[in-house]
Amino acid sequence: MLAELVVNPMSRRGARFGESVREALTRLGVELVAEGAPSRPIDAIVVAGGDGTLASQIPRALELDVPLGIVPLGTFNDLARALTIPPDIEAACDVIASGRELRIDTARVNGVYYATEASIGLSSRLARRQRPEDKQRYGILAIAASLVQALRYARPFHVDVTWDGHHKRFKTVQLTVANSARFGGFVSVLDAAIDDGRLDLYAVQIESLAQFVSVAGAIVGGRRRPAPGLRTYSAKAFEIFTRRPHHISADGEPAGTTPARFEILPKSLSVFVP
């Protein structure tokens, strides 16, 4: 197998363990070339980093029609968790060398591809407040600090959502369009999947302690159904409109602003899995 290796040096573990990934793959018989410099057609793209780095390589993997190999070196590693890829470097590299592939859905918003989730509101503000150097140095503590800052400025906003001939208008502080059952670092939805050909929209509006408890219970319970303070819808595409442009983040990276169309690309990407 000839694979292009993409390492994110700005991820906390990428700079530290990038060379270990190269050595492990080489020992397993995977021939590596540097990012963007293949001398002949490659058989795979191996990404050593987090969800944002993985998402950045989706367009190229689709263009070349080659599978993605994942060595989880990010903070949350939601896609790796969804695919049960082990966090251990040697074990993750062994998954790649074994060559077992699975086709999964990818999603797209404003021309930006993503694998797990795209968000408007609180988490998008959180993503914009995170500095790569802080994440690299402090990890989850940097994200917690950014979350506290983002919460100070969280304000409900009006959103119009259209899907499958339906239309709803409501207020929310957080709107997420998920492709995966795992996203946000801790959310795990029991009856969703990354290969079910659908997107799941979750909108949160908490105006009382009772709604907070309801939403928290729904998140902990992994339920994909409405609860007080939580709206959920499922479709192949969503059209989102807001009164003023709101920033969108997709797998933690900037993805333009509203209005926007979120759409699913069923089983469009091949990945190596255990």
Protein backbone atom coordinates (compact mmCIF):
# COMPACT_ATOMS: atom_id res chain seq x y z
CA MET A 1 0.00 0.00 0.00
CA LEU A 2 1.27 3.46 -0.93
CA ALA A 3 -0.22 6.07 1.39
CA GLU A 4 0.06 9.80 1.73
CA LEU A 5 0.58 10.74 5.37
CA VAL A 6 -1.02 13.93 6.70
CA VAL A 7 0.04 14.95 10.20
CA ASN A 8 -1.39 17.98 11.96
CA PRO A 9 1.56 19.54 13.80
CA MET A 10 -0.79 21.96 15.56
CA SER A 11 -2.75 19.20 17.29
CA ARG A 12 -1.60 18.50 20.82
CA ARG A 13 -0.43 14.98 20.01
CA GLY A 14 0.40 15.47 16.33
CA ALA A 15 3.67 17.31 16.93
CA ARG A 16 4.59 14.86 19.66
CA PHE A 17 3.72 11.55 18.01
CA GLY A 18 3.90 12.23 14.26
CA GLU A 19 7.20 10.42 13.92
CA SER A 20 5.86 7.45 15.91
CA VAL A 21 3.03 7.13 13.39
CA ARG A 22 5.49 7.10 10.49
CA GLU A 23 7.61 4.43 12.15
CA ALA A 24 4.64 2.23 13.04
CA LEU A 25 3.16 2.32 9.53
CA THR A 26 6.53 1.64 7.94
CA ARG A 27 7.07 -1.40 10.20
CA LEU A 28 3.68 -2.69 9.07
CA GLY A 29 4.66 -2.49 5.42
CA VAL A 30 2.86 0.72 4.48
CA GLU A 31 4.92 2.82 2.07
CA LEU A 32 4.55 6.52 2.87
CA VAL A 33 4.88 9.71 0.88
CA ALA A 34 4.69 13.26 2.21
CA GLU A 35 1.48 15.26 1.99
CA GLY A 36 0.92 16.70 -1.48
CA ALA A 37 3.99 15.09 -3.01
CA PRO A 38 3.13 11.61 -4.34
CA SER A 39 5.39 10.39 -7.13
CA ARG A 40 2.74 7.93 -8.34
CA PRO A 41 -0.95 7.23 -7.69
CA ILE A 42 -1.58 6.61 -3.99
CA ASP A 43 -3.76 3.89 -2.49
CA ALA A 44 -4.86 5.77 0.63
CA ILE A 45 -4.59 8.95 2.66
CA VAL A 46 -3.60 8.47 6.30
CA VAL A 47 -4.52 11.30 8.66
CA ALA A 48 -2.82 11.62 12.05
CA GLY A 49 -4.73 14.31 13.88
CA GLY A 50 -8.19 15.29 15.04
CA ASP A 51 -11.61 15.63 13.44
CA GLY A 52 -10.82 18.96 11.79
CA THR A 53 -7.73 17.56 10.07
CA LEU A 54 -9.72 14.54 8.92
CA ALA A 55 -12.48 16.72 7.49
CA SER A 56 -9.92 18.77 5.55
CA GLN A 57 -8.85 15.62 3.68
CA ILE A 58 -12.35 14.43 2.72
CA PRO A 59 -12.49 16.40 -0.58
CA ARG A 60 -9.18 14.96 -1.75
CA ALA A 61 -10.09 11.41 -0.73
CA LEU A 62 -13.36 11.75 -2.68
CA GLU A 63 -11.58 13.22 -5.70
CA LEU A 64 -8.97 10.45 -5.78
CA ASP A 65 -11.48 7.77 -4.70
CA VAL A 66 -9.10 6.40 -2.06
CA PRO A 67 -9.84 5.39 1.54
CA LEU A 68 -8.94 7.43 4.60
CA GLY A 69 -6.84 5.90 7.34
CA ILE A 70 -7.28 7.42 10.80
CA VAL A 71 -4.73 7.72 13.60
CA PRO A 72 -6.59 9.67 16.30
CA LEU A 73 -4.33 12.37 17.71
CA GLY A 74 -6.91 15.09 18.36
CA THR A 75 -8.73 16.24 21.47
CA PHE A 76 -12.11 14.52 20.98
CA ASN A 77 -11.56 12.16 17.99
CA ASP A 78 -15.30 11.78 17.45
CA LEU A 79 -15.01 10.04 14.07
CA ALA A 80 -12.46 7.55 15.37
CA ARG A 81 -14.72 6.80 18.34
CA ALA A 82 -17.74 6.35 16.07
CA LEU A 83 -15.78 3.84 14.00
CA THR A 84 -14.27 2.12 17.08
CA ILE A 85 -10.75 2.92 15.93
CA PRO A 86 -8.41 2.40 18.90
CA PRO A 87 -6.65 5.45 20.39
CA ASP A 88 -3.35 3.57 20.66
CA ILE A 89 -1.04 4.54 17.78
CA GLU A 90 0.23 1.02 17.08
CA ALA A 91 -3.28 -0.43 17.13
CA ALA A 92 -4.68 2.33 14.89
CA CYS A 93 -1.86 1.79 12.39
CA ASP A 94 -2.55 -1.94 12.43
CA VAL A 95 -6.16 -1.20 11.44
CA ILE A 96 -4.86 0.73 8.41
CA ALA A 97 -2.38 -1.97 7.41
CA SER A 98 -5.08 -4.64 7.61
CA GLY A 99 -6.92 -2.86 4.79
CA ARG A 100 -10.52 -3.49 5.90
CA GLU A 101 -12.73 -0.76 4.45
CA LEU A 102 -16.17 0.60 5.28
CA ARG A 103 -18.14 3.14 3.27
CA ILE A 104 -19.65 5.93 5.36
CA ASP A 105 -21.73 9.03 4.70
CA THR A 106 -20.20 12.48 4.52
CA ALA A 107 -22.01 15.79 4.84
CA ARG A 108 -21.55 19.17 3.21
CA VAL A 109 -22.48 22.74 4.10
CA ASN A 110 -21.53 25.81 2.09
CA GLY A 111 -19.24 23.59 0.01
CA VAL A 112 -17.37 22.44 3.15
CA TYR A 113 -17.30 18.70 3.84
CA TYR A 114 -17.56 17.24 7.32
CA ALA A 115 -17.85 13.82 8.93
CA THR A 116 -19.42 14.25 12.37
CA GLU A 117 -21.27 17.55 12.96
CA ALA A 118 -21.74 21.16 11.93
CA SER A 119 -23.06 23.77 14.32
CA ILE A 120 -24.46 27.27 14.61
CA GLY A 121 -24.57 29.17 17.87
CA LEU A 122 -22.77 28.27 21.08
CA SER A 123 -20.42 25.58 19.78
CA SER A 124 -19.56 27.62 16.69
CA ARG A 125 -18.64 30.54 18.95
CA LEU A 126 -16.62 28.11 21.06
CA ALA A 127 -14.72 26.84 18.00
CA ARG A 128 -13.85 30.40 16.93
CA ARG A 129 -12.54 31.25 20.40
CA GLN A 130 -10.15 28.31 20.51
CA ARG A 131 -6.57 29.06 19.53
CA PRO A 132 -4.56 26.14 18.11
CA GLU A 133 -1.59 26.95 20.31
CA ASP A 134 -3.78 26.85 23.45
CA LYS A 135 -5.34 23.51 22.45
CA GLN A 136 -1.89 22.12 21.74
CA ARG A 137 -0.57 23.22 25.13
CA TYR A 138 -3.56 22.76 27.43
CA GLY A 139 -5.86 20.31 25.60
CA ILE A 140 -9.32 19.91 27.16
CA LEU A 141 -8.61 22.68 29.70
CA ALA A 142 -8.31 25.21 26.88
CA ILE A 143 -11.68 24.10 25.49
CA ALA A 144 -13.27 24.41 28.94
CA ALA A 145 -11.93 27.97 29.30
CA SER A 146 -13.26 28.89 25.85
CA LEU A 147 -16.65 27.40 26.75
CA VAL A 148 -16.93 29.63 29.83
CA GLN A 149 -16.22 32.68 27.66
CA ALA A 150 -18.69 31.56 24.98
CA LEU A 151 -21.45 31.02 27.55
CA ARG A 152 -21.14 34.64 28.69
CA TYR A 153 -22.22 35.83 25.25
CA ALA A 154 -24.74 33.10 24.38
CA ARG A 155 -27.96 34.66 23.11
CA PRO A 156 -31.02 33.01 21.53
CA PHE A 157 -31.48 33.67 17.83
CA HIS A 158 -34.33 33.06 15.39
CA VAL A 159 -33.86 30.35 12.80
CA ASP A 160 -35.98 29.13 9.89
CA VAL A 161 -35.50 25.45 9.04
CA THR A 162 -36.87 23.82 5.88
CA TRP A 163 -36.71 20.09 5.07
CA ASP A 164 -38.75 17.56 3.09
CA GLY A 165 -41.54 20.06 2.48
CA HIS A 166 -41.69 21.07 6.17
CA HIS A 167 -40.86 24.45 7.67
CA LYS A 168 -40.31 25.50 11.28
CA ARG A 169 -39.34 28.82 12.81
CA PHE A 170 -38.07 28.96 16.38
CA LYS A 171 -35.44 30.39 18.72
CA THR A 172 -32.33 28.49 19.73
CA VAL A 173 -28.94 29.00 21.36
CA GLN A 174 -27.40 25.97 19.68
CA LEU A 175 -28.25 24.22 16.42
CA THR A 176 -26.33 21.13 15.36
CA VAL A 177 -26.66 19.14 12.14
CA ALA A 178 -25.01 15.80 12.84
CA ASN A 179 -23.92 13.06 10.47
CA SER A 180 -22.57 10.76 13.17
CA ALA A 181 -23.93 9.14 16.30
CA ARG A 182 -20.95 10.61 18.18
CA PHE A 183 -20.13 14.30 18.17
CA GLY A 184 -19.23 17.23 20.38
CA GLY A 185 -16.74 15.18 22.38
CA PHE A 186 -19.33 13.52 24.61
CA VAL A 187 -22.68 13.20 22.80
CA SER A 188 -23.59 9.66 21.74
CA VAL A 189 -26.98 9.04 20.09
CA LEU A 190 -28.11 5.43 20.29
CA ASP A 191 -30.32 5.24 17.19
CA ALA A 192 -28.20 7.32 14.77
CA ALA A 193 -25.41 6.09 12.51
CA ILE A 194 -22.76 7.47 10.20
CA ASP A 195 -23.99 5.31 7.32
CA ASP A 196 -27.79 5.69 7.58
CA GLY A 197 -28.07 8.20 4.71
CA ARG A 198 -29.61 10.93 6.90
CA LEU A 199 -28.67 14.05 8.83
CA ASP A 200 -29.99 14.72 12.32
CA LEU A 201 -30.76 18.28 13.43
CA TYR A 202 -30.73 19.15 17.13
CA ALA A 203 -31.80 22.60 18.37
CA VAL A 204 -31.45 23.62 22.02
CA GLN A 205 -33.37 26.39 23.75
CA ILE A 206 -33.13 26.42 27.54
CA GLU A 207 -35.31 28.96 29.33
CA SER A 208 -35.80 27.23 32.68
CA LEU A 209 -34.19 24.76 35.05
CA ALA A 210 -36.75 22.15 34.02
CA GLN A 211 -35.70 22.50 30.36
CA PHE A 212 -32.04 22.27 31.35
CA VAL A 213 -32.72 19.01 33.19
CA SER A 214 -34.76 17.74 30.23
CA VAL A 215 -32.05 18.50 27.68
CA ALA A 216 -29.31 17.10 29.91
CA GLY A 217 -31.33 13.91 30.35
CA ALA A 218 -31.87 13.58 26.61
CA ILE A 219 -28.14 14.00 25.97
CA VAL A 220 -27.09 11.55 28.64
CA GLY A 221 -29.73 9.07 27.49
CA GLY A 222 -28.67 9.37 23.85
CA ARG A 223 -32.22 9.87 22.63
CA ARG A 224 -32.93 11.06 19.09
CA ARG A 225 -36.37 12.46 19.86
CA PRO A 226 -37.76 15.79 21.07
CA ALA A 227 -37.76 16.77 24.74
CA PRO A 228 -38.65 20.04 26.51
CA GLY A 229 -35.95 22.45 25.38
CA LEU A 230 -34.73 20.16 22.59
CA ARG A 231 -36.01 19.89 19.02
CA THR A 232 -34.87 17.05 16.76
CA TYR A 233 -35.49 16.46 13.05
CA SER A 234 -34.07 13.98 10.55
CA ALA A 235 -33.72 14.46 6.78
CA LYS A 236 -31.37 14.14 3.82
CA ALA A 237 -30.98 17.92 3.61
CA PHE A 238 -31.81 21.04 5.63
CA GLU A 239 -32.08 24.67 4.53
CA ILE A 240 -31.20 27.07 7.34
CA PHE A 241 -31.97 30.80 7.34
CA THR A 242 -31.34 33.37 10.08
CA ARG A 243 -32.20 37.06 10.32
CA ARG A 244 -28.53 37.98 10.24
CA PRO A 245 -25.57 35.85 9.20
CA HIS A 246 -24.39 33.41 11.85
CA HIS A 247 -21.07 31.61 11.73
CA ILE A 248 -21.04 27.87 11.07
CA SER A 249 -18.35 25.45 12.24
CA ALA A 250 -17.99 21.99 10.69
CA ASP A 251 -15.98 19.45 12.68
CA GLY A 252 -14.57 22.42 14.59
CA GLU A 253 -13.44 24.36 11.52
CA PRO A 254 -14.99 27.49 9.90
CA ALA A 255 -17.68 26.73 7.29
CA GLY A 256 -19.03 30.13 6.28
CA THR A 257 -22.23 31.71 7.52
CA THR A 258 -25.99 31.35 7.20
CA PRO A 259 -28.07 31.06 5.09
CA ALA A 260 -26.86 27.56 4.33
CA ARG A 261 -27.83 24.19 2.92
CA PHE A 262 -26.77 21.06 4.79
CA GLU A 263 -26.82 17.88 2.70
CA ILE A 264 -25.84 14.23 3.02
CA LEU A 265 -23.66 12.31 0.57
CA PRO A 266 -24.59 8.68 1.30
CA LYS A 267 -21.76 6.16 1.54
CA SER A 268 -19.46 8.50 -0.36
CA LEU A 269 -16.25 7.94 1.64
CA SER A 270 -14.29 4.79 2.34
CA VAL A 271 -12.40 4.48 5.66
CA PHE A 272 -10.26 1.78 7.23
CA VAL A 273 -11.95 0.19 10.25
CA PRO A 274 -11.22 -2.65 12.70
